[in-house]
């Protein structure tokens, strides 16, 4: 018990140690992601477990999980053969979402490069080419090989 008292911290210390603001801690409490401790000596005292939970929430958010996902993951207290199928499903779904996002971003990069090569590169500087024409023709408005409009 004495060790628990030494590990307890105020909301300000907890927030600082977790790298979040005090309002984030309160928000997590309102959302049920973090328990609100009882007041002792006029202050709420938080534990290392609270700190670990906040760090976990922030880390899974960095991996693309929502707060609702984080809340569900926090209910899984142990990695075990019993929880493995659920964790596998959740992780595989997130992997698929991230892979789709990467594919979408790669498509955006390709289109941006095509736009640049067609309308923003030096070889097209001497040509007047309508940006709307470029857009409607999937960025194929200028012939970059000889600097003329197609």
C-alpha atoms as a PDB file:
ATOM      1  CA  UNK A   1       0.000   0.000   0.000  1.00  0.00           C
ATOM      2  CA  UNK A   2       2.848   2.378   0.843  1.00  0.00           C
ATOM      3  CA  UNK A   3       4.300   1.889  -2.646  1.00  0.00           C
ATOM      4  CA  UNK A   4       0.891   2.758  -4.175  1.00  0.00           C
ATOM      5  CA  UNK A   5       0.888   6.059  -2.294  1.00  0.00           C
ATOM      6  CA  UNK A   6       4.360   6.908  -3.615  1.00  0.00           C
ATOM      7  CA  UNK A   7       3.274   6.135  -7.177  1.00  0.00           C
ATOM      8  CA  UNK A   8       0.157   8.280  -7.019  1.00  0.00           C
ATOM      9  CA  UNK A   9       0.180  11.562  -8.883  1.00  0.00           C
ATOM     10  CA  UNK A  10      -2.043  14.550  -9.527  1.00  0.00           C
ATOM     11  CA  UNK A  11      -3.778  15.076 -12.845  1.00  0.00           C
ATOM     12  CA  UNK A  12      -1.152  17.645 -13.852  1.00  0.00           C
ATOM     13  CA  UNK A  13       1.728  15.255 -13.214  1.00  0.00           C
ATOM     14  CA  UNK A  14      -0.141  12.427 -14.947  1.00  0.00           C
ATOM     15  CA  UNK A  15      -0.797  14.565 -18.019  1.00  0.00           C
ATOM     16  CA  UNK A  16       2.820  15.717 -18.189  1.00  0.00           C
ATOM     17  CA  UNK A  17       4.194  12.186 -17.814  1.00  0.00           C
ATOM     18  CA  UNK A  18       1.808  10.923 -20.507  1.00  0.00           C
ATOM     19  CA  UNK A  19       2.589  13.787 -22.873  1.00  0.00           C
ATOM     20  CA  UNK A  20      -1.008  15.009 -23.034  1.00  0.00           C
ATOM     21  CA  UNK A  21      -2.936  17.955 -21.671  1.00  0.00           C
ATOM     22  CA  UNK A  22      -5.047  17.891 -18.517  1.00  0.00           C
ATOM     23  CA  UNK A  23      -8.145  18.317 -20.682  1.00  0.00           C
ATOM     24  CA  UNK A  24      -7.215  15.136 -22.572  1.00  0.00           C
ATOM     25  CA  UNK A  25      -7.181  13.217 -19.287  1.00  0.00           C
ATOM     26  CA  UNK A  26     -10.594  14.636 -18.402  1.00  0.00           C
ATOM     27  CA  UNK A  27     -11.893  13.842 -21.904  1.00  0.00           C
ATOM     28  CA  UNK A  28     -10.745  10.222 -21.559  1.00  0.00           C
ATOM     29  CA  UNK A  29     -12.559  10.061 -18.229  1.00  0.00           C
ATOM     30  CA  UNK A  30     -15.796  11.409 -19.742  1.00  0.00           C
ATOM     31  CA  UNK A  31     -15.534   8.862 -22.570  1.00  0.00           C
ATOM     32  CA  UNK A  32     -14.967   5.993 -20.128  1.00  0.00           C
ATOM     33  CA  UNK A  33     -11.433   5.282 -21.326  1.00  0.00           C
ATOM     34  CA  UNK A  34      -9.997   6.129 -17.928  1.00  0.00           C
ATOM     35  CA  UNK A  35     -11.544   5.781 -14.489  1.00  0.00           C
ATOM     36  CA  UNK A  36     -12.012   8.925 -12.434  1.00  0.00           C
ATOM     37  CA  UNK A  37     -10.397   8.282  -9.037  1.00  0.00           C
ATOM     38  CA  UNK A  38     -11.968   9.394  -5.796  1.00  0.00           C
ATOM     39  CA  UNK A  39     -10.677  12.575  -4.197  1.00  0.00           C
ATOM     40  CA  UNK A  40      -8.250  12.174  -1.324  1.00  0.00           C
ATOM     41  CA  UNK A  41      -7.078  15.278   0.536  1.00  0.00           C
ATOM     42  CA  UNK A  42      -8.970  17.375  -2.003  1.00  0.00           C
ATOM     43  CA  UNK A  43      -7.135  15.955  -5.019  1.00  0.00           C
ATOM     44  CA  UNK A  44      -7.702  13.062  -7.369  1.00  0.00           C
ATOM     45  CA  UNK A  45      -4.717  10.756  -7.281  1.00  0.00           C
ATOM     46  CA  UNK A  46      -3.746   8.781 -10.362  1.00  0.00           C
ATOM     47  CA  UNK A  47      -1.596   5.665 -10.583  1.00  0.00           C
ATOM     48  CA  UNK A  48       0.999   4.174 -12.895  1.00  0.00           C
ATOM     49  CA  UNK A  49      -1.802   2.060 -14.363  1.00  0.00           C
ATOM     50  CA  UNK A  50      -3.602   5.251 -15.417  1.00  0.00           C
ATOM     51  CA  UNK A  51      -0.374   6.492 -16.998  1.00  0.00           C
ATOM     52  CA  UNK A  52       0.106   3.207 -18.862  1.00  0.00           C
ATOM     53  CA  UNK A  53      -3.465   3.342 -20.142  1.00  0.00           C
ATOM     54  CA  UNK A  54      -3.067   6.870 -21.510  1.00  0.00           C
ATOM     55  CA  UNK A  55       0.197   5.937 -23.219  1.00  0.00           C
ATOM     56  CA  UNK A  56      -1.507   2.863 -24.690  1.00  0.00           C
ATOM     57  CA  UNK A  57      -4.416   4.959 -26.003  1.00  0.00           C
ATOM     58  CA  UNK A  58      -2.057   7.462 -27.616  1.00  0.00           C
ATOM     59  CA  UNK A  59       0.032   4.687 -29.195  1.00  0.00           C
ATOM     60  CA  UNK A  60      -2.914   2.813 -30.702  1.00  0.00           C
ATOM     61  CA  UNK A  61      -4.237   6.124 -32.043  1.00  0.00           C
ATOM     62  CA  UNK A  62      -0.868   6.612 -33.764  1.00  0.00           C
ATOM     63  CA  UNK A  63      -1.446   3.196 -35.354  1.00  0.00           C
ATOM     64  CA  UNK A  64      -4.736   4.428 -36.772  1.00  0.00           C
ATOM     65  CA  UNK A  65      -7.177   3.109 -34.205  1.00  0.00           C
ATOM     66  CA  UNK A  66     -10.067   5.257 -33.021  1.00  0.00           C
ATOM     67  CA  UNK A  67     -10.862   6.002 -29.392  1.00  0.00           C
ATOM     68  CA  UNK A  68     -13.675   3.444 -29.589  1.00  0.00           C
ATOM     69  CA  UNK A  69     -11.151   0.886 -30.854  1.00  0.00           C
ATOM     70  CA  UNK A  70      -8.811   1.816 -27.994  1.00  0.00           C
ATOM     71  CA  UNK A  71     -11.630   1.338 -25.507  1.00  0.00           C
ATOM     72  CA  UNK A  72     -12.341  -2.129 -26.887  1.00  0.00           C
ATOM     73  CA  UNK A  73      -8.653  -3.033 -26.832  1.00  0.00           C
ATOM     74  CA  UNK A  74      -8.331  -1.883 -23.214  1.00  0.00           C
ATOM     75  CA  UNK A  75     -10.975  -4.455 -22.263  1.00  0.00           C
ATOM     76  CA  UNK A  76      -8.603  -7.192 -23.410  1.00  0.00           C
ATOM     77  CA  UNK A  77      -6.415  -7.489 -20.353  1.00  0.00           C
ATOM     78  CA  UNK A  78      -4.134 -10.303 -21.523  1.00  0.00           C
ATOM     79  CA  UNK A  79      -2.656 -11.564 -24.753  1.00  0.00           C
ATOM     80  CA  UNK A  80      -3.543 -15.229 -24.668  1.00  0.00           C
ATOM     81  CA  UNK A  81      -4.766 -18.022 -26.935  1.00  0.00           C
ATOM     82  CA  UNK A  82      -8.282 -16.972 -25.919  1.00  0.00           C
ATOM     83  CA  UNK A  83      -7.869 -13.346 -27.056  1.00  0.00           C
ATOM     84  CA  UNK A  84      -5.606 -14.098 -30.041  1.00  0.00           C
ATOM     85  CA  UNK A  85      -8.413 -14.497 -32.626  1.00  0.00           C
ATOM     86  CA  UNK A  86      -9.970 -11.145 -31.692  1.00  0.00           C
ATOM     87  CA  UNK A  87      -6.621  -9.343 -31.735  1.00  0.00           C
ATOM     88  CA  UNK A  88      -5.768 -10.974 -35.063  1.00  0.00           C
ATOM     89  CA  UNK A  89      -9.062  -9.810 -36.561  1.00  0.00           C
ATOM     90  CA  UNK A  90      -8.722  -6.258 -35.247  1.00  0.00           C
ATOM     91  CA  UNK A  91      -5.110  -5.972 -36.414  1.00  0.00           C
ATOM     92  CA  UNK A  92      -5.815  -7.474 -39.842  1.00  0.00           C
ATOM     93  CA  UNK A  93      -8.713  -5.058 -40.374  1.00  0.00           C
ATOM     94  CA  UNK A  94      -6.469  -2.132 -39.460  1.00  0.00           C
ATOM     95  CA  UNK A  95      -3.700  -3.438 -41.747  1.00  0.00           C
ATOM     96  CA  UNK A  96      -6.187  -3.623 -44.648  1.00  0.00           C
ATOM     97  CA  UNK A  97      -7.354  -0.057 -43.946  1.00  0.00           C
ATOM     98  CA  UNK A  98      -3.777   1.224 -43.843  1.00  0.00           C
ATOM     99  CA  UNK A  99      -2.858  -0.625 -47.038  1.00  0.00           C
ATOM    100  CA  UNK A 100      -5.873   0.926 -48.784  1.00  0.00           C
ATOM    101  CA  UNK A 101      -4.852   4.355 -47.494  1.00  0.00           C
ATOM    102  CA  UNK A 102      -1.314   3.803 -48.804  1.00  0.00           C
ATOM    103  CA  UNK A 103      -2.701   2.794 -52.211  1.00  0.00           C
ATOM    104  CA  UNK A 104      -4.899   5.907 -52.237  1.00  0.00           C
ATOM    105  CA  UNK A 105      -1.928   8.099 -51.314  1.00  0.00           C
ATOM    106  CA  UNK A 106       0.213   6.489 -54.035  1.00  0.00           C
ATOM    107  CA  UNK A 107      -2.567   7.226 -56.527  1.00  0.00           C
ATOM    108  CA  UNK A 108      -2.608  10.842 -55.375  1.00  0.00           C
ATOM    109  CA  UNK A 109       1.174  11.030 -55.807  1.00  0.00           C
ATOM    110  CA  UNK A 110       0.938   9.644 -59.337  1.00  0.00           C
ATOM    111  CA  UNK A 111      -1.772  12.126 -60.263  1.00  0.00           C
ATOM    112  CA  UNK A 112       0.151  15.028 -58.734  1.00  0.00           C
ATOM    113  CA  UNK A 113       3.278  14.032 -60.678  1.00  0.00           C
ATOM    114  CA  UNK A 114       1.230  13.818 -63.862  1.00  0.00           C
ATOM    115  CA  UNK A 115      -0.254  17.258 -63.159  1.00  0.00           C
ATOM    116  CA  UNK A 116       3.189  18.692 -62.564  1.00  0.00           C
ATOM    117  CA  UNK A 117       4.648  17.118 -65.700  1.00  0.00           C
ATOM    118  CA  UNK A 118       1.738  18.327 -67.816  1.00  0.00           C
ATOM    119  CA  UNK A 119       1.009  21.772 -66.461  1.00  0.00           C
ATOM    120  CA  UNK A 120       3.669  22.940 -64.036  1.00  0.00           C
ATOM    121  CA  UNK A 121       6.967  21.836 -65.520  1.00  0.00           C
ATOM    122  CA  UNK A 122       9.395  24.133 -67.365  1.00  0.00           C
ATOM    123  CA  UNK A 123       8.574  22.738 -70.814  1.00  0.00           C
ATOM    124  CA  UNK A 124       4.983  23.955 -70.424  1.00  0.00           C
ATOM    125  CA  UNK A 125       5.938  27.480 -69.278  1.00  0.00           C
ATOM    126  CA  UNK A 126       5.873  28.876 -72.823  1.00  0.00           C
ATOM    127  CA  UNK A 127       2.443  27.429 -73.561  1.00  0.00           C
ATOM    128  CA  UNK A 128      -0.868  28.796 -72.387  1.00  0.00           C
ATOM    129  CA  UNK A 129      -2.867  25.835 -71.253  1.00  0.00           C
ATOM    130  CA  UNK A 130      -6.177  26.094 -69.445  1.00  0.00           C
ATOM    131  CA  UNK A 131      -5.959  24.493 -66.032  1.00  0.00           C
ATOM    132  CA  UNK A 132      -9.597  23.431 -66.370  1.00  0.00           C
ATOM    133  CA  UNK A 133      -8.776  21.794 -69.716  1.00  0.00           C
ATOM    134  CA  UNK A 134      -5.947  19.937 -68.033  1.00  0.00           C
ATOM    135  CA  UNK A 135      -8.260  18.771 -65.271  1.00  0.00           C
ATOM    136  CA  UNK A 136     -10.999  17.629 -67.658  1.00  0.00           C
ATOM    137  CA  UNK A 137      -8.459  15.741 -69.773  1.00  0.00           C
ATOM    138  CA  UNK A 138      -6.772  14.060 -66.792  1.00  0.00           C
ATOM    139  CA  UNK A 139      -3.822  16.488 -66.915  1.00  0.00           C
ATOM    140  CA  UNK A 140      -3.098  15.745 -70.575  1.00  0.00           C
ATOM    141  CA  UNK A 141      -3.369  19.268 -71.958  1.00  0.00           C
ATOM    142  CA  UNK A 142       0.173  20.010 -73.068  1.00  0.00           C
ATOM    143  CA  UNK A 143       2.539  17.914 -75.136  1.00  0.00           C
ATOM    144  CA  UNK A 144       5.690  18.038 -73.026  1.00  0.00           C
ATOM    145  CA  UNK A 145       7.906  16.514 -75.663  1.00  0.00           C
ATOM    146  CA  UNK A 146       7.818  19.601 -77.890  1.00  0.00           C
ATOM    147  CA  UNK A 147       6.148  22.158 -75.620  1.00  0.00           C
ATOM    148  CA  UNK A 148       2.954  22.459 -77.659  1.00  0.00           C
ATOM    149  CA  UNK A 149      -0.680  22.019 -76.733  1.00  0.00           C
ATOM    150  CA  UNK A 150      -2.136  18.681 -77.770  1.00  0.00           C
END
